[in-house]
Amino acid sequence: QLQLVESGGGLVQPGGSLTLSCTASGGSLEHYPIGWFRQAPGKEREEVSCISRGGIVTSYEESVRGRATISRDDAKNTVWLQVASLKREDTAVYYCATDCSGTTGQWGQGTQVTVSS
């Protein structure tokens, strides 16, 4: 059974940056596009970024475009999401999944990102 684990979240000041990691076990991520999603309290879950199989194509939600970079290393079974110039509205639980639709696939447990001074 493929399992995903997110890590790298924490408390960050506005304007700071962080890197989130999504690491798989029990299978290979190379077979899947990987999406990063986030959900803030009282808000709908939204897609933040997506990377295709092989890392050929990437996409970003408008609010993070220009500030975020998604990357993958299938040999390490890991996908990263780097976000710079963090804003308070970036505060959320961040999830990775083996699908970019937000409706299917395997999901991790999430990692909390809090942007606050």
C-alpha atoms as a PDB file:
ATOM      1  CA  GLN A   1       0.000   0.000   0.000  1.00  0.00           C
ATOM      2  CA  LEU A   2       1.447   3.329  -1.069  1.00  0.00           C
ATOM      3  CA  GLN A   3       1.776   5.790   1.792  1.00  0.00           C
ATOM      4  CA  LEU A   4       2.649   9.473   1.658  1.00  0.00           C
ATOM      5  CA  VAL A   5       4.156  11.528   4.450  1.00  0.00           C
ATOM      6  CA  GLU A   6       4.422  15.309   4.392  1.00  0.00           C
ATOM      7  CA  SER A   7       6.993  17.180   6.436  1.00  0.00           C
ATOM      8  CA  GLY A   8       8.649  20.570   6.665  1.00  0.00           C
ATOM      9  CA  GLY A   9       5.806  22.635   8.028  1.00  0.00           C
ATOM     10  CA  GLY A  10       6.136  24.960  10.962  1.00  0.00           C
ATOM     11  CA  LEU A  11       5.924  28.552  12.127  1.00  0.00           C
ATOM     12  CA  VAL A  12       7.337  31.081   9.672  1.00  0.00           C
ATOM     13  CA  GLN A  13       7.345  34.874   9.705  1.00  0.00           C
ATOM     14  CA  PRO A  14       5.694  36.783   6.865  1.00  0.00           C
ATOM     15  CA  GLY A  15       8.183  37.210   4.057  1.00  0.00           C
ATOM     16  CA  GLY A  16      10.008  34.045   4.989  1.00  0.00           C
ATOM     17  CA  SER A  17      10.271  30.833   3.042  1.00  0.00           C
ATOM     18  CA  LEU A  18      10.024  27.114   3.596  1.00  0.00           C
ATOM     19  CA  THR A  19      10.282  23.812   1.804  1.00  0.00           C
ATOM     20  CA  LEU A  20       7.718  21.079   2.231  1.00  0.00           C
ATOM     21  CA  SER A  21       8.540  17.468   1.455  1.00  0.00           C
ATOM     22  CA  CYS A  22       6.313  14.613   0.352  1.00  0.00           C
ATOM     23  CA  THR A  23       7.934  11.212   0.664  1.00  0.00           C
ATOM     24  CA  ALA A  24       6.402   7.912  -0.382  1.00  0.00           C
ATOM     25  CA  SER A  25       6.825   4.393   0.890  1.00  0.00           C
ATOM     26  CA  GLY A  26       5.353   1.113  -0.289  1.00  0.00           C
ATOM     27  CA  GLY A  27       5.497   2.160  -3.918  1.00  0.00           C
ATOM     28  CA  SER A  28       7.058   4.531  -6.407  1.00  0.00           C
ATOM     29  CA  LEU A  29       5.914   8.085  -7.062  1.00  0.00           C
ATOM     30  CA  GLU A  30       7.222   7.910 -10.602  1.00  0.00           C
ATOM     31  CA  HIS A  31       3.882   6.503 -11.761  1.00  0.00           C
ATOM     32  CA  TYR A  32       1.893   9.527 -10.633  1.00  0.00           C
ATOM     33  CA  PRO A  33       1.488  13.217 -11.060  1.00  0.00           C
ATOM     34  CA  ILE A  34       1.736  14.774  -7.602  1.00  0.00           C
ATOM     35  CA  GLY A  35      -0.431  17.563  -6.335  1.00  0.00           C
ATOM     36  CA  TRP A  36       0.012  19.844  -3.347  1.00  0.00           C
ATOM     37  CA  PHE A  37      -3.176  21.039  -1.687  1.00  0.00           C
ATOM     38  CA  ARG A  38      -3.948  23.156   1.329  1.00  0.00           C
ATOM     39  CA  GLN A  39      -6.886  23.751   3.590  1.00  0.00           C
ATOM     40  CA  ALA A  40      -7.240  26.622   6.008  1.00  0.00           C
ATOM     41  CA  PRO A  41      -9.753  26.581   8.872  1.00  0.00           C
ATOM     42  CA  GLY A  42     -13.240  27.305   7.598  1.00  0.00           C
ATOM     43  CA  LYS A  43     -12.157  27.292   3.971  1.00  0.00           C
ATOM     44  CA  GLU A  44     -12.386  24.896   1.069  1.00  0.00           C
ATOM     45  CA  ARG A  45      -9.444  22.740   0.137  1.00  0.00           C
ATOM     46  CA  GLU A  46      -7.581  24.167  -2.817  1.00  0.00           C
ATOM     47  CA  GLU A  47      -4.898  22.975  -5.163  1.00  0.00           C
ATOM     48  CA  VAL A  48      -1.631  24.827  -4.720  1.00  0.00           C
ATOM     49  CA  SER A  49       0.583  23.146  -7.277  1.00  0.00           C
ATOM     50  CA  CYS A  50       0.900  20.087  -9.469  1.00  0.00           C
ATOM     51  CA  ILE A  51       3.794  18.343 -11.148  1.00  0.00           C
ATOM     52  CA  SER A  52       3.414  15.831 -13.942  1.00  0.00           C
ATOM     53  CA  ARG A  53       4.986  12.426 -14.252  1.00  0.00           C
ATOM     54  CA  GLY A  54       8.622  12.984 -15.076  1.00  0.00           C
ATOM     55  CA  GLY A  55       8.370  16.575 -13.886  1.00  0.00           C
ATOM     56  CA  ILE A  56       7.848  17.872 -17.408  1.00  0.00           C
ATOM     57  CA  VAL A  57       4.869  20.105 -16.662  1.00  0.00           C
ATOM     58  CA  THR A  58       4.142  22.126 -13.544  1.00  0.00           C
ATOM     59  CA  SER A  59       1.238  24.296 -12.533  1.00  0.00           C
ATOM     60  CA  TYR A  60       0.579  26.768  -9.732  1.00  0.00           C
ATOM     61  CA  GLU A  61      -2.462  28.337  -8.193  1.00  0.00           C
ATOM     62  CA  GLU A  62      -2.574  32.059  -8.912  1.00  0.00           C
ATOM     63  CA  SER A  63      -1.943  33.116  -5.315  1.00  0.00           C
ATOM     64  CA  VAL A  64       1.430  31.340  -5.192  1.00  0.00           C
ATOM     65  CA  ARG A  65       2.525  31.701  -8.793  1.00  0.00           C
ATOM     66  CA  GLY A  66       5.929  33.361  -8.864  1.00  0.00           C
ATOM     67  CA  ARG A  67       6.558  32.482  -5.222  1.00  0.00           C
ATOM     68  CA  ALA A  68       6.402  28.692  -5.339  1.00  0.00           C
ATOM     69  CA  THR A  69       8.441  25.972  -6.980  1.00  0.00           C
ATOM     70  CA  ILE A  70       7.438  22.333  -7.176  1.00  0.00           C
ATOM     71  CA  SER A  71      10.035  19.692  -7.943  1.00  0.00           C
ATOM     72  CA  ARG A  72      10.535  15.953  -7.758  1.00  0.00           C
ATOM     73  CA  ASP A  73      13.242  13.336  -7.575  1.00  0.00           C
ATOM     74  CA  ASP A  74      11.758   9.933  -8.301  1.00  0.00           C
ATOM     75  CA  ALA A  75      14.995   8.213  -7.293  1.00  0.00           C
ATOM     76  CA  LYS A  76      14.404   9.615  -3.802  1.00  0.00           C
ATOM     77  CA  ASN A  77      10.650   9.027  -4.008  1.00  0.00           C
ATOM     78  CA  THR A  78      10.157  12.637  -2.957  1.00  0.00           C
ATOM     79  CA  VAL A  79       8.348  15.734  -4.163  1.00  0.00           C
ATOM     80  CA  TRP A  80       9.054  19.195  -2.748  1.00  0.00           C
ATOM     81  CA  LEU A  81       7.130  22.423  -2.629  1.00  0.00           C
ATOM     82  CA  GLN A  82       9.176  25.545  -1.963  1.00  0.00           C
ATOM     83  CA  VAL A  83       7.290  28.714  -1.133  1.00  0.00           C
ATOM     84  CA  ALA A  84       8.922  32.111  -0.751  1.00  0.00           C
ATOM     85  CA  SER A  85       7.595  35.482   0.393  1.00  0.00           C
ATOM     86  CA  LEU A  86       5.120  33.755   2.656  1.00  0.00           C
ATOM     87  CA  LYS A  87       1.933  35.588   3.544  1.00  0.00           C
ATOM     88  CA  ARG A  88      -0.460  35.108   6.426  1.00  0.00           C
ATOM     89  CA  GLU A  89      -3.019  33.792   3.969  1.00  0.00           C
ATOM     90  CA  ASP A  90      -0.666  30.900   3.203  1.00  0.00           C
ATOM     91  CA  THR A  91      -1.452  29.509   6.649  1.00  0.00           C
ATOM     92  CA  ALA A  92      -3.057  26.097   6.207  1.00  0.00           C
ATOM     93  CA  VAL A  93      -2.549  22.382   6.465  1.00  0.00           C
ATOM     94  CA  TYR A  94      -0.700  21.266   3.353  1.00  0.00           C
ATOM     95  CA  TYR A  95      -1.259  17.863   1.777  1.00  0.00           C
ATOM     96  CA  CYS A  96       0.268  15.960  -1.095  1.00  0.00           C
ATOM     97  CA  ALA A  97      -1.601  13.448  -3.212  1.00  0.00           C
ATOM     98  CA  THR A  98      -1.040  11.060  -6.106  1.00  0.00           C
ATOM     99  CA  ASP A  99      -3.504  12.960  -8.234  1.00  0.00           C
ATOM    100  CA  CYS A 100      -4.009  16.591  -9.151  1.00  0.00           C
ATOM    101  CA  SER A 101      -7.788  16.564  -9.392  1.00  0.00           C
ATOM    102  CA  GLY A 102      -8.278  16.743  -5.642  1.00  0.00           C
ATOM    103  CA  THR A 103     -10.839  13.953  -5.723  1.00  0.00           C
ATOM    104  CA  THR A 104      -8.881  10.715  -6.056  1.00  0.00           C
ATOM    105  CA  GLY A 105      -5.553   9.173  -5.245  1.00  0.00           C
ATOM    106  CA  GLN A 106      -3.546   8.586  -2.112  1.00  0.00           C
ATOM    107  CA  TRP A 107      -3.154  11.373   0.445  1.00  0.00           C
ATOM    108  CA  GLY A 108      -0.744  12.075   3.241  1.00  0.00           C
ATOM    109  CA  GLN A 109      -1.665  13.194   6.745  1.00  0.00           C
ATOM    110  CA  GLY A 110      -0.765  16.810   6.135  1.00  0.00           C
ATOM    111  CA  THR A 111       1.720  19.249   7.609  1.00  0.00           C
ATOM    112  CA  GLN A 112       0.797  22.516   9.295  1.00  0.00           C
ATOM    113  CA  VAL A 113       2.170  25.776   7.949  1.00  0.00           C
ATOM    114  CA  THR A 114       1.604  28.850  10.089  1.00  0.00           C
ATOM    115  CA  VAL A 115       2.701  32.258   8.837  1.00  0.00           C
ATOM    116  CA  SER A 116       2.670  34.751  11.671  1.00  0.00           C
ATOM    117  CA  SER A 117       4.806  37.420  13.261  1.00  0.00           C
END
